[in-house]
PDB file of N, CA and C in Angstrom:
ATOM      1  N   MET A   1    -113.863 369.691  95.482  1.00  0.00           N
ATOM      2  CA  MET A   1    -114.414 371.029  95.478  1.00  0.00           C
ATOM      3  C   MET A   1    -113.540 371.980  96.292  1.00  0.00           C
ATOM      4  N   LYS A   2    -113.102 371.538  97.466  1.00  0.00           N
ATOM      5  CA  LYS A   2    -112.275 372.386  98.318  1.00  0.00           C
ATOM      6  C   LYS A   2    -110.982 372.772  97.603  1.00  0.00           C
ATOM      7  N   TYR A   3    -110.312 371.775  97.018  1.00  0.00           N
ATOM      8  CA  TYR A   3    -109.064 372.043  96.315  1.00  0.00           C
ATOM      9  C   TYR A   3    -109.307 373.038  95.182  1.00  0.00           C
ATOM     10  N   HIS A   4    -110.362 372.846  94.439  1.00  0.00           N
ATOM     11  CA  HIS A   4    -110.661 373.699  93.300  1.00  0.00           C
ATOM     12  C   HIS A   4    -110.884 375.151  93.740  1.00  0.00           C
ATOM     13  N   LEU A   5    -111.651 375.368  94.777  1.00  0.00           N
ATOM     14  CA  LEU A   5    -111.884 376.730  95.269  1.00  0.00           C
ATOM     15  C   LEU A   5    -110.593 377.369  95.758  1.00  0.00           C
ATOM     16  N   ASN A   6    -109.842 376.617  96.574  1.00  0.00           N
ATOM     17  CA  ASN A   6    -108.617 377.156  97.157  1.00  0.00           C
ATOM     18  C   ASN A   6    -107.561 377.484  96.116  1.00  0.00           C
ATOM     19  N   TYR A   7    -107.308 376.571  95.197  1.00  0.00           N
ATOM     20  CA  TYR A   7    -106.135 376.682  94.342  1.00  0.00           C
ATOM     21  C   TYR A   7    -106.397 377.073  92.900  1.00  0.00           C
ATOM     22  N   TYR A   8    -107.649 377.207  92.503  1.00  0.00           N
ATOM     23  CA  TYR A   8    -107.942 377.689  91.156  1.00  0.00           C
ATOM     24  C   TYR A   8    -108.614 379.049  91.166  1.00  0.00           C
ATOM     25  N   HIS A   9    -109.238 379.384  92.299  1.00  0.00           N
ATOM     26  CA  HIS A   9    -109.944 380.657  92.379  1.00  0.00           C
ATOM     27  C   HIS A   9    -109.454 381.540  93.518  1.00  0.00           C
ATOM     28  N   GLY A  10    -108.647 380.986  94.415  1.00  0.00           N
ATOM     29  CA  GLY A  10    -108.145 381.777  95.534  1.00  0.00           C
ATOM     30  C   GLY A  10    -109.226 382.112  96.540  1.00  0.00           C
ATOM     31  N   VAL A  11    -110.197 381.210  96.692  1.00  0.00           N
ATOM     32  CA  VAL A  11    -111.307 381.413  97.616  1.00  0.00           C
ATOM     33  C   VAL A  11    -111.210 380.375  98.725  1.00  0.00           C
ATOM     34  N   SER A  12    -111.301 380.828  99.960  1.00  0.00           N
ATOM     35  CA  SER A  12    -111.264 379.913 101.083  1.00  0.00           C
ATOM     36  C   SER A  12    -112.518 379.057 101.091  1.00  0.00           C
ATOM     37  N   ALA A  13    -112.339 377.742 101.107  1.00  0.00           N
ATOM     38  CA  ALA A  13    -113.482 376.832 101.159  1.00  0.00           C
ATOM     39  C   ALA A  13    -114.162 376.904 102.522  1.00  0.00           C
ATOM     40  N   LEU A  14    -113.450 377.365 103.545  1.00  0.00           N
ATOM     41  CA  LEU A  14    -114.030 377.465 104.885  1.00  0.00           C
ATOM     42  C   LEU A  14    -114.922 378.695 105.037  1.00  0.00           C
ATOM     43  N   THR A  15    -114.462 379.835 104.514  1.00  0.00           N
ATOM     44  CA  THR A  15    -115.202 381.083 104.713  1.00  0.00           C
ATOM     45  C   THR A  15    -115.969 381.530 103.479  1.00  0.00           C
ATOM     46  N   GLY A  16    -115.567 381.045 102.304  1.00  0.00           N
ATOM     47  CA  GLY A  16    -116.191 381.493 101.060  1.00  0.00           C
ATOM     48  C   GLY A  16    -115.698 382.852 100.597  1.00  0.00           C
ATOM     49  N   ARG A  17    -114.672 383.376 101.253  1.00  0.00           N
ATOM     50  CA  ARG A  17    -114.123 384.692 100.910  1.00  0.00           C
ATOM     51  C   ARG A  17    -112.770 384.517 100.218  1.00  0.00           C
ATOM     52  N   PRO A  18    -112.397 385.475  99.375  1.00  0.00           N
ATOM     53  CA  PRO A  18    -111.081 385.398  98.723  1.00  0.00           C
ATOM     54  C   PRO A  18    -109.947 385.478  99.743  1.00  0.00           C
ATOM     55  N   PHE A  19    -108.854 384.789  99.441  1.00  0.00           N
ATOM     56  CA  PHE A  19    -107.676 384.882 100.299  1.00  0.00           C
ATOM     57  C   PHE A  19    -107.118 386.302 100.226  1.00  0.00           C
ATOM     58  N   PRO A  20    -106.547 386.804 101.327  1.00  0.00           N
ATOM     59  CA  PRO A  20    -105.950 388.137 101.291  1.00  0.00           C
ATOM     60  C   PRO A  20    -104.691 388.155 100.423  1.00  0.00           C
ATOM     61  N   ALA A  21    -104.459 389.291  99.815  1.00  0.00           N
ATOM     62  CA  ALA A  21    -103.252 389.483  99.004  1.00  0.00           C
ATOM     63  C   ALA A  21    -102.055 389.720  99.923  1.00  0.00           C
ATOM     64  N   PRO A  22    -100.837 389.566  99.408  1.00  0.00           N
ATOM     65  CA  PRO A  22     -99.659 389.884 100.218  1.00  0.00           C
ATOM     66  C   PRO A  22     -99.673 391.360 100.621  1.00  0.00           C
ATOM     67  N   LEU A  23     -99.105 391.656 101.792  1.00  0.00           N
ATOM     68  CA  LEU A  23     -99.030 393.044 102.260  1.00  0.00           C
ATOM     69  C   LEU A  23     -98.074 393.867 101.405  1.00  0.00           C
ATOM     70  N   ALA A  24     -97.016 393.232 100.921  1.00  0.00           N
ATOM     71  CA  ALA A  24     -96.007 393.893 100.093  1.00  0.00           C
ATOM     72  C   ALA A  24     -95.388 392.849  99.174  1.00  0.00           C
ATOM     73  N   SER A  25     -94.726 393.309  98.143  1.00  0.00           N
ATOM     74  CA  SER A  25     -94.042 392.416  97.204  1.00  0.00           C
ATOM     75  C   SER A  25     -92.616 392.889  97.004  1.00  0.00           C
ATOM     76  N   ARG A  26     -91.746 391.948  96.673  1.00  0.00           N
ATOM     77  CA  ARG A  26     -90.362 392.287  96.352  1.00  0.00           C
ATOM     78  C   ARG A  26     -89.803 391.221  95.433  1.00  0.00           C
ATOM     79  N   VAL A  27     -88.662 391.533  94.824  1.00  0.00           N
ATOM     80  CA  VAL A  27     -87.938 390.573  93.994  1.00  0.00           C
ATOM     81  C   VAL A  27     -86.672 390.200  94.751  1.00  0.00           C
ATOM     82  N   ALA A  28     -86.498 388.905  95.000  1.00  0.00           N
ATOM     83  CA  ALA A  28     -85.325 388.403  95.713  1.00  0.00           C
ATOM     84  C   ALA A  28     -84.425 387.668  94.730  1.00  0.00           C
ATOM     85  N   ALA A  29     -83.144 387.653  95.045  1.00  0.00           N
ATOM     86  CA  ALA A  29     -82.188 386.959  94.186  1.00  0.00           C
ATOM     87  C   ALA A  29     -82.487 385.468  94.186  1.00  0.00           C
ATOM     88  N   GLY A  30     -82.445 384.883  93.016  1.00  0.00           N
ATOM     89  CA  GLY A  30     -82.692 383.447  92.877  1.00  0.00           C
ATOM     90  C   GLY A  30     -81.494 382.768  92.267  1.00  0.00           C
ATOM     91  N   ALA A  31     -81.601 381.489  92.060  1.00  0.00           N
ATOM     92  CA  ALA A  31     -80.519 380.707  91.470  1.00  0.00           C
ATOM     93  C   ALA A  31     -80.269 381.160  90.038  1.00  0.00           C
ATOM     94  N   GLY A  32     -79.030 381.190  89.645  1.00  0.00           N
ATOM     95  CA  GLY A  32     -78.668 381.549  88.277  1.00  0.00           C
ATOM     96  C   GLY A  32     -78.880 383.027  87.962  1.00  0.00           C
ATOM     97  N   GLY A  33     -78.922 383.865  88.994  1.00  0.00           N
ATOM     98  CA  GLY A  33     -79.090 385.294  88.776  1.00  0.00           C
ATOM     99  C   GLY A  33     -80.507 385.713  88.411  1.00  0.00           C
ATOM    100  N   ARG A  34     -81.438 384.774  88.491  1.00  0.00           N
ATOM    101  CA  ARG A  34     -82.836 385.057  88.155  1.00  0.00           C
ATOM    102  C   ARG A  34     -83.557 385.562  89.398  1.00  0.00           C
ATOM    103  N   GLY A  35     -84.226 386.700  89.281  1.00  0.00           N
ATOM    104  CA  GLY A  35     -84.986 387.231  90.396  1.00  0.00           C
ATOM    105  C   GLY A  35     -86.291 386.476  90.575  1.00  0.00           C
ATOM    106  N   ARG A  36     -86.678 386.279  91.816  1.00  0.00           N
ATOM    107  CA  ARG A  36     -87.940 385.585  92.122  1.00  0.00           C
ATOM    108  C   ARG A  36     -88.829 386.499  92.952  1.00  0.00           C
ATOM    109  N   GLN A  37     -90.116 386.437  92.666  1.00  0.00           N
ATOM    110  CA  GLN A  37     -91.089 387.259  93.375  1.00  0.00           C
ATOM    111  C   GLN A  37     -91.368 386.687  94.768  1.00  0.00           C
ATOM    112  N   GLN A  38     -91.519 387.598  95.735  1.00  0.00           N
ATOM    113  CA  GLN A  38     -91.912 387.207  97.078  1.00  0.00           C
ATOM    114  C   GLN A  38     -93.031 388.125  97.545  1.00  0.00           C
ATOM    115  N   GLY A  39     -93.876 387.604  98.421  1.00  0.00           N
ATOM    116  CA  GLY A  39     -94.945 388.378  99.019  1.00  0.00           C
ATOM    117  C   GLY A  39     -94.850 388.291 100.531  1.00  0.00           C
ATOM    118  N   LEU A  40     -95.195 389.381 101.217  1.00  0.00           N
ATOM    119  CA  LEU A  40     -95.141 389.425 102.670  1.00  0.00           C
ATOM    120  C   LEU A  40     -96.483 388.972 103.232  1.00  0.00           C
ATOM    121  N   CYS A  41     -96.465 387.926 104.032  1.00  0.00           N
ATOM    122  CA  CYS A  41     -97.679 387.364 104.622  1.00  0.00           C
ATOM    123  C   CYS A  41     -98.110 388.205 105.816  1.00  0.00           C
ATOM    124  N   GLY A  42     -99.373 388.611 105.820  1.00  0.00           N
ATOM    125  CA  GLY A  42     -99.906 389.394 106.929  1.00  0.00           C
ATOM    126  C   GLY A  42    -100.248 388.555 108.148  1.00  0.00           C
ATOM    127  N   VAL A  43    -100.231 387.234 108.010  1.00  0.00           N
ATOM    128  CA  VAL A  43    -100.563 386.344 109.121  1.00  0.00           C
ATOM    129  C   VAL A  43     -99.307 385.966 109.906  1.00  0.00           C
ATOM    130  N   CYS A  44     -98.308 385.435 109.209  1.00  0.00           N
ATOM    131  CA  CYS A  44     -97.103 384.961 109.904  1.00  0.00           C
ATOM    132  C   CYS A  44     -95.932 385.944 109.814  1.00  0.00           C
ATOM    133  N   GLY A  45     -96.027 386.957 108.939  1.00  0.00           N
ATOM    134  CA  GLY A  45     -94.968 387.959 108.822  1.00  0.00           C
ATOM    135  C   GLY A  45     -93.758 387.509 108.027  1.00  0.00           C
ATOM    136  N   GLU A  46     -93.850 386.392 107.329  1.00  0.00           N
ATOM    137  CA  GLU A  46     -92.715 385.882 106.553  1.00  0.00           C
ATOM    138  C   GLU A  46     -92.832 386.272 105.088  1.00  0.00           C
ATOM    139  N   TRP A  47     -91.673 386.361 104.413  1.00  0.00           N
ATOM    140  CA  TRP A  47     -91.638 386.570 102.975  1.00  0.00           C
ATOM    141  C   TRP A  47     -91.745 385.201 102.326  1.00  0.00           C
ATOM    142  N   VAL A  48     -92.694 385.056 101.412  1.00  0.00           N
ATOM    143  CA  VAL A  48     -93.008 383.779 100.786  1.00  0.00           C
ATOM    144  C   VAL A  48     -92.804 383.911  99.278  1.00  0.00           C
ATOM    145  N   PHE A  49     -92.144 382.921  98.672  1.00  0.00           N
ATOM    146  CA  PHE A  49     -92.002 382.933  97.218  1.00  0.00           C
ATOM    147  C   PHE A  49     -93.374 382.785  96.586  1.00  0.00           C
ATOM    148  N   THR A  50     -93.675 383.628  95.614  1.00  0.00           N
ATOM    149  CA  THR A  50     -94.982 383.602  94.957  1.00  0.00           C
ATOM    150  C   THR A  50     -94.874 383.159  93.502  1.00  0.00           C
ATOM    151  N   ASP A  51     -93.730 382.605  93.138  1.00  0.00           N
ATOM    152  CA  ASP A  51     -93.558 382.076  91.790  1.00  0.00           C
ATOM    153  C   ASP A  51     -92.793 380.754  91.859  1.00  0.00           C
ATOM    154  N   SER A  52     -92.724 380.099  90.742  1.00  0.00           N
ATOM    155  CA  SER A  52     -92.074 378.797  90.679  1.00  0.00           C
ATOM    156  C   SER A  52     -90.561 378.941  90.643  1.00  0.00           C
ATOM    157  N   SER A  53     -89.877 377.984  91.236  1.00  0.00           N
ATOM    158  CA  SER A  53     -88.413 377.978  91.171  1.00  0.00           C
ATOM    159  C   SER A  53     -87.933 377.415  89.838  1.00  0.00           C
ATOM    160  N   ARG A  54     -88.850 376.790  89.094  1.00  0.00           N
ATOM    161  CA  ARG A  54     -88.522 376.228  87.787  1.00  0.00           C
ATOM    162  C   ARG A  54     -88.978 377.167  86.683  1.00  0.00           C
ATOM    163  N   LYS A  55     -88.325 377.080  85.560  1.00  0.00           N
ATOM    164  CA  LYS A  55     -88.698 377.911  84.402  1.00  0.00           C
ATOM    165  C   LYS A  55     -89.703 377.148  83.551  1.00  0.00           C
ATOM    166  N   VAL A  56     -90.931 377.079  84.034  1.00  0.00           N
ATOM    167  CA  VAL A  56     -92.011 376.410  83.307  1.00  0.00           C
ATOM    168  C   VAL A  56     -93.247 377.297  83.352  1.00  0.00           C
ATOM    169  N   ALA A  57     -94.107 377.124  82.391  1.00  0.00           N
ATOM    170  CA  ALA A  57     -95.364 377.875  82.379  1.00  0.00           C
ATOM    171  C   ALA A  57     -96.292 377.320  83.458  1.00  0.00           C
ATOM    172  N   ILE A  58     -96.883 378.215  84.212  1.00  0.00           N
ATOM    173  CA  ILE A  58     -97.802 377.838  85.286  1.00  0.00           C
ATOM    174  C   ILE A  58     -99.201 378.306  84.905  1.00  0.00           C
ATOM    175  N   ASN A  59    -100.184 377.407  84.955  1.00  0.00           N
ATOM    176  CA  ASN A  59    -101.553 377.771  84.600  1.00  0.00           C
ATOM    177  C   ASN A  59    -102.163 378.780  85.559  1.00  0.00           C
ATOM    178  N   VAL A  60    -101.893 378.632  86.847  1.00  0.00           N
ATOM    179  CA  VAL A  60    -102.428 379.524  87.871  1.00  0.00           C
ATOM    180  C   VAL A  60    -101.242 380.064  88.676  1.00  0.00           C
ATOM    181  N   PRO A  61    -100.663 381.196  88.267  1.00  0.00           N
ATOM    182  CA  PRO A  61     -99.454 381.699  88.916  1.00  0.00           C
ATOM    183  C   PRO A  61     -99.629 381.991  90.413  1.00  0.00           C
ATOM    184  N   GLN A  62    -100.814 382.369  90.845  1.00  0.00           N
ATOM    185  CA  GLN A  62    -101.043 382.721  92.246  1.00  0.00           C
ATOM    186  C   GLN A  62    -101.096 381.500  93.166  1.00  0.00           C
ATOM    187  N   ILE A  63    -101.024 380.305  92.625  1.00  0.00           N
ATOM    188  CA  ILE A  63    -101.193 379.095  93.429  1.00  0.00           C
ATOM    189  C   ILE A  63    -100.181 379.007  94.570  1.00  0.00           C
ATOM    190  N   TYR A  64     -98.964 379.488  94.366  1.00  0.00           N
ATOM    191  CA  TYR A  64     -97.954 379.408  95.416  1.00  0.00           C
ATOM    192  C   TYR A  64     -98.341 380.279  96.601  1.00  0.00           C
ATOM    193  N   TRP A  65     -98.862 381.470  96.341  1.00  0.00           N
ATOM    194  CA  TRP A  65     -99.323 382.341  97.413  1.00  0.00           C
ATOM    195  C   TRP A  65    -100.556 381.728  98.085  1.00  0.00           C
ATOM    196  N   TRP A  66    -101.509 381.264  97.295  1.00  0.00           N
ATOM    197  CA  TRP A  66    -102.740 380.719  97.849  1.00  0.00           C
ATOM    198  C   TRP A  66    -102.469 379.500  98.720  1.00  0.00           C
ATOM    199  N   LYS A  67    -101.521 378.661  98.338  1.00  0.00           N
ATOM    200  CA  LYS A  67    -101.195 377.488  99.148  1.00  0.00           C
ATOM    201  C   LYS A  67    -100.621 377.917 100.497  1.00  0.00           C
ATOM    202  N   HIS A  68     -99.771 378.937 100.482  1.00  0.00           N
ATOM    203  CA  HIS A  68     -99.201 379.409 101.745  1.00  0.00           C
ATOM    204  C   HIS A  68    -100.277 380.006 102.636  1.00  0.00           C
ATOM    205  N   ILE A  69    -101.062 380.918 102.095  1.00  0.00           N
ATOM    206  CA  ILE A  69    -102.040 381.625 102.931  1.00  0.00           C
ATOM    207  C   ILE A  69    -103.127 380.672 103.418  1.00  0.00           C
ATOM    208  N   GLN A  70    -103.479 379.678 102.628  1.00  0.00           N
ATOM    209  CA  GLN A  70    -104.465 378.691 103.073  1.00  0.00           C
ATOM    210  C   GLN A  70    -103.930 377.900 104.263  1.00  0.00           C
ATOM    211  N   ALA A  71    -102.673 377.493 104.214  1.00  0.00           N
ATOM    212  CA  ALA A  71    -102.069 376.751 105.323  1.00  0.00           C
ATOM    213  C   ALA A  71    -101.844 377.650 106.537  1.00  0.00           C
ATOM    214  N   CYS A  72    -101.565 378.910 106.295  1.00  0.00           N
ATOM    215  CA  CYS A  72    -101.247 379.852 107.361  1.00  0.00           C
ATOM    216  C   CYS A  72    -102.501 380.284 108.137  1.00  0.00           C
ATOM    217  N   THR A  73    -103.665 380.221 107.517  1.00  0.00           N
ATOM    218  CA  THR A  73    -104.880 380.688 108.172  1.00  0.00           C
ATOM    219  C   THR A  73    -105.730 379.568 108.754  1.00  0.00           C
ATOM    220  N   LYS A  74    -105.229 378.346 108.771  1.00  0.00           N
ATOM    221  CA  LYS A  74    -105.995 377.222 109.342  1.00  0.00           C
ATOM    222  C   LYS A  74    -106.138 377.371 110.829  1.00  0.00           C
TER     223      LYS A  74
END
């Protein structure tokens, strides 16, 4: 249940509230000249990749952000 709330809905299993969105977004240079999305974390102040490094379809694109913010707010 915890995993499902955190990584499929973006809801903290601890608080029951949605995870905060990134403070800002940018596109950073990636491998092969492909730009990758990054989000600025309001907790740790770091730029975090919010997309996959692989060229595959992702069912829940926000999962990369949600995994970071969930670990950052523990």
